[in-house]
Protein backbone atom coordinates (compact mmCIF):
# COMPACT_ATOMS: atom_id res chain seq x y z
CA MET A 1 11.38 14.37 7.91
CA LEU A 2 12.51 10.79 7.30
CA GLN A 3 15.68 10.75 5.20
CA VAL A 4 17.46 7.88 3.49
CA LYS A 5 20.93 8.54 2.08
CA ASN A 6 23.06 6.21 -0.05
CA LEU A 7 21.37 3.07 1.31
CA ASN A 8 22.78 -0.29 0.22
CA VAL A 9 21.04 -3.54 1.18
CA SER A 10 21.51 -7.08 -0.14
CA LEU A 11 20.18 -10.49 0.92
CA ASP A 12 21.53 -13.81 -0.36
CA ASN A 13 23.62 -11.99 -2.98
CA LEU A 14 20.49 -10.21 -4.27
CA ILE A 15 20.89 -6.43 -4.29
CA LEU A 16 17.68 -4.85 -2.98
CA ALA A 17 18.88 -1.30 -2.47
CA ARG A 18 21.67 0.24 -4.48
CA ASP A 19 22.86 3.65 -3.29
CA MET A 20 19.21 4.56 -2.62
CA SER A 21 18.32 8.07 -1.45
CA PHE A 22 15.00 9.79 -0.79
CA SER A 23 13.20 11.90 1.82
CA LEU A 24 9.62 11.69 3.14
CA GLU A 25 7.78 14.69 4.52
CA PRO A 26 5.36 14.59 7.46
CA GLY A 27 1.65 14.88 6.73
CA LYS A 28 1.91 13.02 3.41
CA VAL A 29 0.98 9.51 2.30
CA ASN A 30 3.90 7.92 0.48
CA VAL A 31 3.25 4.76 -1.55
CA ILE A 32 5.88 2.31 -2.79
CA ILE A 33 5.10 0.48 -6.03
CA GLY A 34 7.21 -1.90 -8.06
CA PRO A 35 7.44 -5.52 -9.28
CA ASN A 36 7.75 -8.54 -7.01
CA GLY A 37 11.21 -9.15 -5.59
CA THR A 38 12.38 -5.57 -6.02
CA GLY A 39 12.81 -4.93 -2.30
CA LYS A 40 9.65 -3.10 -1.22
CA SER A 41 9.10 -5.11 1.97
CA THR A 42 12.84 -5.25 2.60
CA LEU A 43 12.98 -1.46 2.53
CA LEU A 44 10.30 -1.22 5.25
CA LYS A 45 12.12 -3.80 7.37
CA THR A 46 15.35 -1.87 6.95
CA LEU A 47 13.76 1.41 7.99
CA PHE A 48 12.32 -0.34 11.06
CA GLY A 49 15.70 -1.84 11.92
CA ASP A 50 14.91 -5.51 11.28
CA ILE A 51 17.52 -5.66 8.52
CA LEU A 52 20.96 -4.10 8.88
CA PRO A 53 22.07 -2.20 5.75
CA GLU A 54 25.56 -2.66 4.39
CA SER A 55 26.01 1.10 4.22
CA GLY A 56 24.07 4.34 4.17
CA ASP A 57 22.18 6.44 6.71
CA ILE A 58 18.56 6.49 7.87
CA SER A 59 17.54 9.48 9.96
CA PHE A 60 14.40 11.06 11.37
CA ASN A 61 14.29 14.53 12.89
CA ASN A 62 18.10 14.60 13.11
CA ALA A 63 18.28 11.22 14.93
CA THR A 64 20.09 8.45 13.03
CA LEU A 65 19.19 4.76 13.18
CA LYS A 66 21.80 2.95 15.29
CA ARG A 67 21.71 -0.68 16.34
CA LYS A 68 22.50 0.14 19.99
CA HIS A 69 19.54 2.57 20.14
CA LEU A 70 17.12 0.35 18.22
CA SER A 71 14.41 0.21 20.91
CA GLN A 72 14.23 4.01 21.12
CA TRP A 73 14.13 4.24 17.32
CA ARG A 74 11.19 1.83 17.09
CA GLU A 75 9.17 3.75 19.66
CA GLN A 76 8.44 6.27 16.90
CA PHE A 77 6.93 3.66 14.57
CA GLY A 78 3.58 2.10 13.94
CA TYR A 79 4.50 -0.87 11.71
CA MET A 80 2.08 -3.30 10.08
CA PRO A 81 3.93 -6.10 8.23
CA GLN A 82 2.12 -8.26 5.69
CA ASP A 83 0.63 -11.70 6.33
CA ILE A 84 0.57 -11.67 10.14
CA LYS A 85 -1.52 -14.55 11.50
CA LEU A 86 -3.46 -13.88 14.69
CA ASP A 87 -3.73 -17.45 15.96
CA ILE A 88 -3.97 -16.43 19.61
CA GLU A 89 -6.60 -16.66 22.32
CA LEU A 90 -7.20 -12.92 22.67
CA SER A 91 -10.19 -10.73 21.97
CA VAL A 92 -10.16 -8.04 19.31
CA LEU A 93 -10.11 -5.37 22.01
CA GLU A 94 -7.11 -6.99 23.71
CA VAL A 95 -5.17 -7.15 20.44
CA VAL A 96 -5.84 -3.47 19.74
CA LEU A 97 -4.74 -2.57 23.28
CA LEU A 98 -1.39 -4.27 22.61
CA GLY A 99 -0.61 -1.25 20.49
CA LYS A 100 -0.11 0.50 23.82
CA LEU A 101 1.94 -2.32 25.34
CA ASP A 102 4.37 0.09 26.97
CA ALA A 103 1.48 1.76 28.86
CA LEU A 104 -0.31 -1.42 29.98
CA SER A 105 -0.31 -2.62 33.58
CA LEU A 106 -2.22 -5.10 35.72
CA ARG A 107 -5.08 -2.64 35.80
CA LEU A 108 -6.33 -1.33 32.48
CA ASP A 109 -6.76 2.42 32.37
CA ASP A 110 -10.29 3.47 31.33
CA ALA A 111 -8.82 6.05 28.95
CA LEU A 112 -6.87 3.34 27.10
CA ILE A 113 -9.95 1.16 26.74
CA LYS A 114 -11.93 4.12 25.42
CA GLN A 115 -9.14 4.92 22.94
CA ALA A 116 -9.12 1.32 21.66
CA LEU A 117 -12.90 1.24 21.32
CA THR A 118 -12.82 4.57 19.48
CA ALA A 119 -10.22 3.20 17.06
CA LEU A 120 -12.46 0.19 16.34
CA GLU A 121 -15.49 2.43 15.88
CA LYS A 122 -13.68 4.63 13.35
CA ILE A 123 -12.93 1.64 11.13
CA GLY A 124 -16.41 0.16 11.51
CA LEU A 125 -15.49 -2.87 13.62
CA LEU A 126 -16.68 -1.91 17.10
CA HIS A 127 -19.15 -4.81 17.03
CA LEU A 128 -16.19 -7.22 16.98
CA ALA A 129 -14.57 -5.90 20.17
CA ASN A 130 -15.24 -9.05 22.22
CA ARG A 131 -14.82 -11.54 19.36
CA PRO A 132 -11.77 -13.88 19.54
CA VAL A 133 -9.29 -12.80 16.86
CA ASN A 134 -8.55 -16.38 15.85
CA ARG A 135 -12.12 -16.61 14.53
CA LEU A 136 -11.87 -13.63 12.22
CA SER A 137 -11.34 -13.55 8.48
CA GLY A 138 -8.01 -12.47 7.01
CA GLY A 139 -9.47 -9.12 6.02
CA GLN A 140 -10.87 -8.49 9.49
CA CYS A 141 -7.47 -9.31 10.99
CA GLN A 142 -5.84 -6.73 8.71
CA MET A 143 -8.26 -4.08 9.94
CA ILE A 144 -7.63 -5.04 13.60
CA LEU A 145 -3.87 -4.77 13.12
CA PHE A 146 -4.38 -1.38 11.49
CA ALA A 147 -6.30 -0.23 14.57
CA GLN A 148 -3.47 -1.57 16.74
CA ALA A 149 -0.90 0.42 14.75
CA LEU A 150 -2.97 3.58 15.17
CA MET A 151 -3.06 3.05 18.95
CA ARG A 152 0.67 3.74 19.09
CA ASN A 153 0.14 7.36 17.97
CA PRO A 154 3.18 6.95 15.74
CA LYS A 155 5.38 9.59 14.22
CA ILE A 156 6.15 7.20 11.37
CA LEU A 157 3.50 4.75 10.11
CA MET A 158 4.54 1.92 7.79
CA LEU A 159 2.15 -0.60 6.25
CA ASP A 160 3.07 -3.49 3.96
CA GLU A 161 0.20 -4.32 1.59
CA PRO A 162 -2.45 -3.32 4.16
CA VAL A 163 -5.45 -3.93 1.85
CA SER A 164 -4.44 -7.21 0.23
CA ALA A 165 -7.20 -9.20 1.99
CA LEU A 166 -9.85 -6.48 2.15
CA ASP A 167 -13.01 -6.14 0.11
CA LEU A 168 -13.71 -2.97 -1.86
CA HIS A 169 -15.56 -1.25 1.00
CA PHE A 170 -12.91 -1.83 3.67
CA GLN A 171 -10.08 -0.95 1.31
CA HIS A 172 -11.48 2.56 1.17
CA VAL A 173 -12.38 2.65 4.88
CA LEU A 174 -8.78 1.86 5.81
CA LEU A 175 -7.16 4.14 3.24
CA ASP A 176 -9.54 7.05 3.85
CA HIS A 177 -8.86 6.85 7.60
CA LEU A 178 -5.13 6.53 6.96
CA ASP A 179 -5.11 9.62 4.76
CA THR A 180 -7.14 11.68 7.25
CA GLU A 181 -5.02 10.73 10.26
CA THR A 182 -1.75 11.25 8.38
CA LYS A 183 -2.67 14.81 7.53
CA GLN A 184 -4.24 15.66 10.89
CA GLN A 185 -1.46 14.13 13.00
CA GLY A 186 1.44 15.05 10.73
CA TRP A 187 2.66 11.46 10.42
CA VAL A 188 5.27 10.28 7.95
CA THR A 189 3.28 7.48 6.27
CA LEU A 190 4.82 4.90 3.97
CA MET A 191 3.00 1.88 2.56
CA VAL A 192 3.39 -0.75 -0.12
CA LEU A 193 0.54 -1.21 -2.61
CA HIS A 194 0.24 -3.39 -5.71
CA ASP A 195 -2.97 -1.82 -7.00
CA LEU A 196 -1.83 1.11 -9.13
CA ASN A 197 -5.27 2.71 -9.14
CA LEU A 198 -5.48 2.72 -5.34
CA ALA A 199 -1.94 4.11 -5.27
CA ALA A 200 -2.96 6.85 -7.70
CA GLN A 201 -5.97 7.81 -5.57
CA TYR A 202 -4.28 7.90 -2.17
CA ALA A 203 -0.60 8.71 -2.70
CA ASP A 204 0.66 12.23 -2.19
CA ASN A 205 3.98 10.85 -3.36
CA LEU A 206 4.86 7.67 -5.28
CA LEU A 207 8.19 5.90 -4.90
CA VAL A 208 8.75 3.58 -7.87
CA LEU A 209 11.27 0.81 -7.15
CA LYS A 210 13.05 -1.31 -9.71
CA ASP A 211 16.32 -3.27 -9.47
CA GLY A 212 17.22 -1.71 -6.12
CA ASN A 213 16.72 1.86 -7.24
CA VAL A 214 14.08 4.54 -6.91
CA ILE A 215 13.60 5.14 -10.63
CA ALA A 216 10.84 7.74 -10.23
CA SER A 217 9.18 9.70 -7.46
CA GLY A 218 6.51 12.36 -7.33
CA HIS A 219 2.76 12.86 -7.44
CA PRO A 220 0.91 10.11 -9.35
CA SER A 221 -0.54 12.60 -11.84
CA ASP A 222 3.00 13.63 -12.77
CA ILE A 223 4.79 10.31 -13.07
CA LEU A 224 2.23 7.55 -13.70
CA THR A 225 2.41 7.07 -17.47
CA PRO A 226 2.13 4.18 -19.96
CA ALA A 227 5.90 4.36 -20.45
CA LEU A 228 6.53 3.97 -16.71
CA VAL A 229 4.14 1.01 -16.43
CA LYS A 230 5.84 -0.66 -19.39
CA ASP A 231 9.32 -0.03 -17.99
CA VAL A 232 8.53 -1.26 -14.48
CA TYR A 233 6.09 -4.14 -15.12
CA ASP A 234 6.66 -4.94 -18.82
CA VAL A 235 2.93 -4.52 -19.40
CA ASN A 236 1.18 -2.32 -21.94
CA ALA A 237 -1.34 0.06 -20.41
CA GLU A 238 -3.52 3.05 -21.07
CA VAL A 239 -3.39 5.85 -18.49
CA THR A 240 -6.25 8.34 -18.48
CA LYS A 241 -7.23 11.00 -15.94
CA ASP A 242 -10.60 11.56 -14.33
CA ALA A 243 -12.30 14.91 -13.71
CA TYR A 244 -10.09 15.44 -10.65
CA GLY A 245 -6.87 14.77 -12.53
CA ILE A 246 -6.34 11.37 -10.87
CA PRO A 247 -4.72 8.80 -13.19
CA PHE A 248 -6.52 5.57 -14.01
CA VAL A 249 -4.46 2.64 -15.31
CA ARG A 250 -6.03 0.06 -17.61
CA THR A 251 -3.69 -2.74 -18.58
CA ILE A 252 -3.91 -4.29 -22.04
CA ARG A 253 -3.71 -8.03 -22.60
CA GLN A 254 -0.72 -9.16 -24.64
CA GLY A 255 -1.79 -10.04 -28.17
CA PHE A 256 -5.31 -8.80 -27.48
CA LEU A 257 -7.46 -8.01 -30.52
CA PRO A 258 -10.65 -6.03 -29.92
CA PRO A 259 -13.86 -7.84 -30.91
CA LYS A 260 -15.37 -6.97 -34.25
CA THR A 261 -18.12 -4.41 -34.15
CA ASN A 262 -21.61 -5.03 -35.50
CA SER A 263 -20.73 -2.99 -38.54
CA GLN A 264 -17.87 -5.39 -39.23
CA THR A 265 -19.81 -8.61 -38.66
CA HIS A 266 -23.11 -7.58 -40.26
CA ARG A 267 -22.10 -5.71 -43.38
CA SER A 268 -24.67 -5.06 -46.06
CA PRO A 269 -24.41 -7.59 -48.88
CA SER A 270 -22.59 -6.48 -51.98
CA ARG A 271 -24.46 -5.93 -55.24
CA THR A 272 -23.04 -9.17 -56.64
CA THR A 273 -24.14 -11.18 -53.59
CA ALA A 274 -27.58 -9.56 -53.66
CA ALA A 275 -28.00 -10.29 -57.37
CA GLN A 276 -26.94 -13.92 -56.87
CA GLY A 277 -29.47 -14.27 -54.08
CA LEU A 278 -32.21 -12.86 -56.32
CA ARG A 279 -31.40 -15.36 -59.10
CA ASN A 280 -31.56 -18.21 -56.59
CA VAL A 281 -35.01 -17.09 -55.53
CA ILE A 282 -36.18 -16.90 -59.18
């Protein structure tokens, strides 16, 4: 279990975590939602050890994050930050293999190559194995970095907006594979999403961040409500549930007035209007 206790983080006098505490269980997909600037990406960087908290503890399986043991701590992670540019002269296969950097040598092991090719096949990109990564689209690069993260066989998998550049098909390819592997491998998975409907479909647990605090946590069907959306995003919304009990969020435009129906725009003429029209004809 990954545990965060009384975490305090600030950058440039902006408080991004204020006495924050939560725990994440293995085998579950945890999704962070919240407005821009509330510290979602900063939280991931802090858990990874890129940012040093002012106070508080971060622990996993009874081991606590310490600066002097940072390399050992990171060995447990598969971490996919947002907006990484792959402007390098490497093939897709070579980039995926970098996920096993600690196991690489002058001679590539056949088992490692097979593992990398299998990872690409699972996400539907095996045909790109020999393509230079600097000629790929942003969405394709996101999928390649996801495959690289999987190659690490992590105990903790963190992804920061992993579907931001993906089309509808590959959003679900990535998230379906993520959900399956998390449950089969028993990973602690934590990702940031902005799309509330994707979060509702794939999260076993939502962490709602606002002003440096976790203001709500739990299954989407339990906590995703119009009141929560209004409080967090200052947006009016309707929240309905499908046949499986999964919430669906439809935001409502500010000042929006529904269009008039046919019955409103094509009313039958009144008796007075009809009589006047008859006189005009006569």
